Protein backbone atom coordinates (compact mmCIF):
# COMPACT_ATOMS: atom_id res chain seq x y z
CA MET A 1 0.00 0.02 0.00
CA ARG A 2 1.67 3.23 -1.21
CA ASP A 3 -0.38 5.80 0.63
CA PRO A 4 1.17 6.10 4.19
CA ARG A 5 -1.90 7.94 5.45
CA THR A 6 -4.31 5.19 4.49
CA LEU A 7 -2.01 2.53 5.93
CA GLY A 8 -1.67 4.58 9.08
CA TYR A 9 -5.41 4.77 9.52
CA LEU A 10 -5.73 1.04 8.96
CA LEU A 11 -3.08 0.35 11.53
CA ALA A 12 -4.93 2.63 14.03
CA LEU A 13 -8.13 0.66 13.34
CA GLY A 14 -6.16 -2.56 13.86
CA SER A 15 -4.98 -1.21 17.20
CA ALA A 16 -8.58 -0.42 18.14
CA ALA A 17 -9.76 -3.94 17.17
CA THR A 18 -7.04 -5.75 19.12
CA GLY A 19 -7.55 -3.56 22.10
CA ALA A 20 -11.29 -4.11 22.02
CA VAL A 21 -10.99 -7.93 21.88
CA ARG A 22 -8.48 -7.77 24.75
CA PHE A 23 -11.07 -5.83 26.77
CA ASN A 24 -13.65 -8.49 26.15
CA LEU A 25 -11.22 -11.18 27.22
CA ALA A 26 -10.61 -9.23 30.44
CA VAL A 27 -14.39 -9.12 31.07
CA TYR A 28 -14.61 -12.89 30.49
CA ALA A 29 -11.64 -13.61 32.81
CA LYS A 30 -13.04 -11.38 35.56
CA ALA A 31 -16.40 -13.12 35.37
CA HIS A 32 -14.58 -16.47 35.89
CA GLY A 33 -12.60 -15.35 38.97
CA LEU A 34 -9.41 -13.77 37.57
CA THR A 35 -9.05 -10.22 38.90
CA LEU A 36 -8.23 -7.48 36.34
CA VAL A 37 -4.85 -6.59 37.92
CA TRP A 38 -3.65 -10.23 37.75
CA PHE A 39 -5.08 -10.51 34.27
CA LEU A 40 -3.06 -7.43 33.26
CA LEU A 41 0.12 -8.82 34.80
CA GLY A 42 -0.26 -12.13 32.95
CA ALA A 43 -1.00 -10.40 29.68
CA LEU A 44 2.12 -8.20 30.08
CA ILE A 45 4.29 -11.31 30.55
CA VAL A 46 2.93 -12.65 27.25
CA GLY A 47 3.38 -9.26 25.69
CA ILE A 48 7.08 -9.14 26.78
CA LEU A 49 7.67 -12.55 25.24
CA CYS A 50 5.93 -11.66 22.00
CA SER A 51 7.57 -8.23 21.46
CA GLY A 52 10.94 -9.60 22.60
CA THR A 53 10.76 -12.48 20.14
CA HIS A 54 9.82 -9.97 17.37
CA VAL A 55 12.95 -7.93 18.08
CA ILE A 56 15.21 -11.03 18.20
CA VAL A 57 13.83 -12.41 14.96
CA LYS A 58 14.09 -9.05 13.19
CA ASP A 59 17.26 -7.58 14.65
CA GLY A 60 18.98 -10.22 16.73
CA LEU A 61 19.99 -9.75 20.36
CA ASN A 62 21.61 -6.42 19.52
CA GLY A 63 18.20 -5.02 18.55
CA PHE A 64 17.43 -4.21 22.18
CA GLY A 65 20.18 -1.61 22.45
CA THR A 66 20.36 -0.13 18.96
CA PHE A 67 18.94 3.25 19.99
CA ARG A 68 21.82 5.14 21.59
CA GLY A 69 20.62 8.07 23.64
CA LYS A 70 17.00 7.02 23.18
CA ARG A 71 16.71 4.37 25.88
CA VAL A 72 15.57 6.90 28.41
CA HIS A 73 12.71 7.85 26.04
CA ALA A 74 11.70 4.23 25.76
CA LEU A 75 11.70 3.82 29.55
CA LEU A 76 9.75 7.05 29.99
CA TYR A 77 7.19 5.88 27.44
CA GLY A 78 6.76 2.61 29.35
CA LEU A 79 6.41 4.45 32.66
CA LEU A 80 3.78 6.85 31.33
CA MET A 81 1.76 4.02 29.73
CA ALA A 82 2.02 1.89 32.91
CA TRP A 83 0.66 4.72 35.08
CA SER A 84 -2.06 5.43 32.52
CA SER A 85 -3.34 1.89 32.93
CA LEU A 86 -2.70 1.45 36.63
CA SER A 87 -4.40 4.75 37.55
CA HIS A 88 -7.71 3.22 36.54
CA PHE A 89 -7.35 0.45 39.14
CA LEU A 90 -6.28 2.90 41.91
CA ALA A 91 -9.16 5.22 41.19
CA LEU A 92 -11.74 2.48 41.77
CA ASP A 93 -10.96 2.77 45.50
CA TYR A 94 -12.62 6.20 45.42
CA ILE A 95 -15.07 6.32 42.48
CA ASN A 96 -17.14 3.78 40.67
CA GLU A 97 -16.24 2.24 37.35
CA VAL A 98 -18.68 4.34 35.31
CA VAL A 99 -17.33 7.61 36.55
CA MET A 100 -13.74 6.41 36.11
CA SER A 101 -14.47 5.36 32.48
CA SER A 102 -16.19 8.67 31.78
CA LEU A 103 -13.22 10.61 33.06
CA ALA A 104 -10.79 8.41 31.13
CA GLN A 105 -12.47 9.35 27.87
CA THR A 106 -11.11 12.90 28.20
CA THR A 107 -7.83 11.45 26.96
CA ILE A 108 -8.98 12.14 23.45
CA LEU A 109 -9.48 15.88 24.13
CA VAL A 110 -6.17 16.21 25.98
CA THR A 111 -4.29 14.38 23.24
CA ILE A 112 -5.75 16.54 20.49
CA GLY A 113 -4.91 19.69 22.44
CA LEU A 114 -1.29 18.59 23.08
CA ALA A 115 -0.82 17.49 19.48
CA VAL A 116 -1.95 20.88 18.16
CA TRP A 117 0.11 22.76 20.78
CA LEU A 118 3.32 20.71 21.03
CA LEU A 119 3.54 19.01 17.65
CA GLY A 120 2.02 21.73 15.47
CA GLU A 121 -0.54 19.36 14.04
CA ARG A 122 -3.35 20.97 12.00
CA PHE A 123 -6.90 20.15 11.12
CA THR A 124 -8.98 21.27 8.18
CA ALA A 125 -12.53 22.43 8.91
CA ALA A 126 -13.85 19.08 7.67
CA GLU A 127 -11.40 17.21 9.91
CA TRP A 128 -12.56 19.24 12.95
CA VAL A 129 -16.08 18.24 12.15
CA ALA A 130 -15.07 14.57 11.97
CA ALA A 131 -13.18 14.95 15.30
CA ALA A 132 -16.27 16.48 16.94
CA ILE A 133 -18.44 13.58 15.68
CA ILE A 134 -16.01 11.04 17.04
CA CYS A 135 -15.75 12.77 20.41
CA PHE A 136 -19.47 13.00 20.67
CA GLY A 137 -19.72 9.27 19.99
CA ILE A 138 -17.07 8.49 22.56
CA PHE A 139 -18.83 10.36 25.33
CA TRP A 140 -22.18 8.94 24.27
CA PHE A 141 -20.83 5.45 25.17
CA LYS A 142 -19.84 6.50 28.67
CA PRO A 143 -22.73 8.11 30.57
CA TRP A 144 -21.72 10.21 33.60
CA THR A 145 -23.46 8.70 36.65
CA GLY A 146 -22.18 8.45 40.21
CA ASP A 147 -20.35 10.49 42.79
CA LEU A 148 -17.12 12.24 41.82
CA ARG A 149 -14.53 12.39 44.60
CA THR A 150 -11.54 14.65 44.39
CA THR A 151 -8.93 11.94 45.03
CA GLY A 152 -10.42 9.65 42.37
CA PHE A 153 -10.65 12.55 39.93
CA LEU A 154 -6.97 13.47 40.42
CA ILE A 155 -5.84 9.86 40.02
CA VAL A 156 -7.71 9.30 36.79
CA MET A 157 -6.70 12.68 35.31
CA SER A 158 -3.09 12.01 36.12
CA GLY A 159 -3.41 8.79 34.15
CA VAL A 160 -5.14 10.70 31.32
CA MET A 161 -2.23 13.17 31.15
CA ALA A 162 0.30 10.31 31.30
CA GLY A 163 -1.36 8.50 28.41
CA SER A 164 -1.61 11.67 26.32
CA PHE A 165 1.98 12.69 26.89
CA ALA A 166 3.05 9.10 26.05
CA THR A 167 1.28 9.38 22.70
CA ILE A 168 2.83 12.79 21.96
CA GLY A 169 6.24 11.55 22.98
CA ALA A 170 5.86 8.34 20.92
CA LYS A 171 5.07 10.42 17.82
CA ARG A 172 8.55 12.00 18.18
CA TRP A 173 10.39 8.87 19.40
CA VAL A 174 9.25 6.38 16.76
CA VAL A 175 11.53 8.22 14.36
CA GLY A 176 14.60 6.98 16.28
CA ILE A 177 13.23 3.88 17.99
CA PRO A 178 11.57 1.06 15.97
CA PRO A 179 8.08 0.38 17.32
CA ARG A 180 8.89 -3.29 18.04
CA VAL A 181 11.79 -2.20 20.28
CA LEU A 182 9.76 0.52 21.96
CA MET A 183 7.12 -2.05 22.82
CA VAL A 184 9.56 -4.31 24.61
CA TRP A 185 10.62 -1.55 26.98
CA ARG A 186 7.01 -0.36 27.43
CA ASN A 187 5.91 -3.83 28.48
CA VAL A 188 8.88 -4.47 30.76
CA VAL A 189 8.42 -1.17 32.58
CA ALA A 190 4.59 -1.77 32.83
CA PHE A 191 5.21 -5.26 34.22
CA VAL A 192 7.47 -3.89 36.95
CA VAL A 193 5.05 -1.10 37.88
CA VAL A 194 2.06 -3.45 38.07
CA GLY A 195 4.10 -6.05 39.93
CA ILE A 196 5.06 -3.44 42.56
CA TYR A 197 1.41 -2.44 42.85
CA ILE A 198 0.34 -6.09 43.43
CA LEU A 199 3.02 -6.58 46.11
CA ALA A 200 2.16 -3.30 47.84
CA ARG A 201 -1.53 -4.17 47.92
CA GLY A 202 -0.89 -7.74 49.03
CA THR A 203 -3.25 -9.08 46.39
CA ALA A 204 -3.65 -12.81 46.74
CA LEU A 205 -2.91 -15.09 43.80
CA PRO A 206 -6.27 -15.99 42.25
CA GLU A 207 -7.36 -19.43 41.10
CA VAL A 208 -6.60 -19.86 37.39
CA THR A 209 -8.55 -22.18 35.17
CA PRO A 210 -7.43 -23.39 31.74
CA TRP A 211 -9.99 -21.10 30.09
CA THR A 212 -8.90 -17.98 32.01
CA LEU A 213 -5.29 -18.85 31.32
CA MET A 214 -6.07 -19.07 27.56
CA ALA A 215 -7.85 -15.78 27.76
CA CYS A 216 -4.86 -14.19 29.41
CA ILE A 217 -2.45 -15.53 26.80
CA ALA A 218 -4.67 -14.40 23.94
CA ALA A 219 -5.05 -10.96 25.56
CA GLY A 220 -1.24 -10.70 25.92
CA ILE A 221 -0.78 -11.28 22.17
CA LEU A 222 -3.58 -8.90 21.25
CA GLY A 223 -3.03 -6.20 23.92
CA PRO A 224 0.49 -5.52 25.15
CA TYR A 225 1.92 -6.76 21.80
CA LEU A 226 -0.31 -6.07 18.73
CA HIS A 227 -2.50 -3.29 20.15
CA GLY A 228 0.49 -1.13 21.09
CA LEU A 229 2.62 -2.13 18.08
CA PHE A 230 -0.12 -1.23 15.56
CA PHE A 231 -0.65 2.17 17.17
CA LEU A 232 3.10 2.99 17.15
CA GLN A 233 3.29 1.93 13.51
CA ALA A 234 0.32 4.18 12.81
CA LEU A 235 2.18 7.08 14.43
CA GLU A 236 4.99 6.61 11.92
CA ARG A 237 2.53 7.47 9.13
CA VAL A 238 -0.13 9.83 10.41
CA ASP A 239 -0.50 12.68 12.99
CA ALA A 240 -0.81 11.69 16.66
CA ALA A 241 -4.19 13.35 17.09
CA LYS A 242 -5.71 11.67 14.05
CA ALA A 243 -4.25 8.26 14.85
CA THR A 244 -5.77 8.57 18.35
CA LEU A 245 -9.15 9.63 16.91
CA MET A 246 -9.19 6.70 14.52
CA SER A 247 -8.27 4.25 17.28
CA ARG A 248 -11.23 5.41 19.43
CA ILE A 249 -13.55 3.20 17.42
CA ALA A 250 -12.71 0.51 19.99
CA PRO A 251 -16.07 0.83 21.83
CA VAL A 252 -17.87 -0.11 18.65
CA ILE A 253 -15.78 -3.33 18.33
CA VAL A 254 -16.33 -4.08 22.02
CA PHE A 255 -20.05 -3.57 21.43
CA LEU A 256 -20.08 -5.93 18.45
CA VAL A 257 -17.92 -8.66 20.11
CA SER A 258 -20.06 -8.52 23.24
CA TRP A 259 -23.17 -8.87 21.12
CA ALA A 260 -21.76 -11.79 19.06
CA PHE A 261 -19.94 -13.82 21.73
CA LEU A 262 -21.18 -12.69 25.19
CA SER A 263 -24.88 -12.61 24.22
CA ARG A 264 -25.33 -9.03 25.36
CA VAL A 265 -28.29 -7.57 23.48
CA PRO A 266 -27.50 -3.97 22.57
CA GLU A 267 -29.74 -1.14 23.60
CA LEU A 268 -30.95 1.41 21.08
CA LYS A 269 -28.66 4.04 22.66
CA ASP A 270 -25.61 1.84 22.17
CA THR A 271 -26.53 1.14 18.56
CA LEU A 272 -26.95 4.86 17.83
CA GLY A 273 -23.59 5.67 19.58
CA ALA A 274 -21.85 3.01 17.47
CA GLY A 275 -23.33 4.57 14.38
CA VAL A 276 -22.11 8.03 15.36
CA LEU A 277 -18.54 6.74 15.88
CA LEU A 278 -18.54 4.97 12.52
CA ILE A 279 -19.75 8.17 10.76
CA GLY A 280 -16.96 10.17 12.36
CA VAL A 281 -14.20 7.62 11.55
CA VAL A 282 -15.33 7.26 7.93
CA TRP A 283 -15.57 11.06 7.57
CA LEU A 284 -12.07 11.54 9.01
CA ALA A 285 -10.58 8.95 6.67
CA ALA A 286 -12.30 10.46 3.62
CA VAL A 287 -11.41 14.13 3.97
CA ARG A 288 -8.23 15.65 2.59
CA PRO A 289 -5.55 16.22 5.29
CA ALA A 290 -4.44 19.56 6.50
CA PRO A 291 -1.11 20.97 5.26
CA LYS A 292 1.84 20.40 7.56
CA ARG A 293 3.17 23.21 9.76
CA ARG A 294 6.66 23.47 11.13
CA ASN A 295 7.20 23.40 14.86
CA ILE A 296 8.71 26.57 16.33
C-alpha cells in the first residue's frame, strides 16, 4: 500500500480492534474469577515474550540496544503508559467504574490539544467536524453517573495526562526507535510497575482455570503486543491526534464482540452511539488532510 496515510489509519483501526478484543477477554476472565490486575500482569508477561521475540527475529539480540541516547525515552514511554493503565485500578478505590471510564475518555481531548500545541498538528474544517463527531460518539458510550470524589478525579486525570503525553512523545520517538523495540521496553516497565502495585496491595494469587489462562495468553498477544505495536506503527505514518481519533472506534468493536460472543443484546442508545462513531471515523478517513506546519 503506497499511501502512508491510508495505511496509518488502517493500523490505528487494527490497534482499536485488538484492544477491544483484549477488553472483552478481560471481562470474560473477571467473570470467571481472575481479577483485572492479575489478568493485566499475565497479559504483560505474554506481551514481553511476543515483543521480545519480534525484536530477536528481526534484529537479533543487539536489537534491544540499537537506539543510543534514546533508551531513556523508551523507559519514559513505558512508565507513562504503565501509570495510565494502573491509575484506573487505583481510582476504583474512590469512584465507581462508570465515573472512572467517563473521566478516562477525556484522553482524546487532551491528546488533540497537546498534538496541536506541542507538535504543530493541523486540522482542516472538515477534519474538525469529523473529530467532533467522534468525540461526541465516545462520550455517548460513557454516561456520567455516580459521585465524583476529588482523590479519584486526580488519580484518573493524572493517568489521562500520562497517556496523552506518552502518545505525543511516541510520535517523536518512533523516528529513532523502531516500534517493536519501543514495545519491549514499554511492556517491561509496565510489568515492573504493576508487579510493585500487586506486592504493595498484598493481592492474593487468584485461582486460574485453563480457560482464563487461555484468555490471558490471547489478551497478551492482542493487547501488550499487537495493540500497542499497531498504534506505534500508525504514528509513523499519520498525525498523533488523528491516529488517536481513529483508534477510538474501539467501543464499537467491544459492542459488536459482546453482542456476538457474550450474548449481550445492545440497547438502542448503544446502537446509535456506534453509528455516530462509525460516521466520524469514515468522515475523517475520507477528507483531505491539513497541510503540515513546522514546529517553532
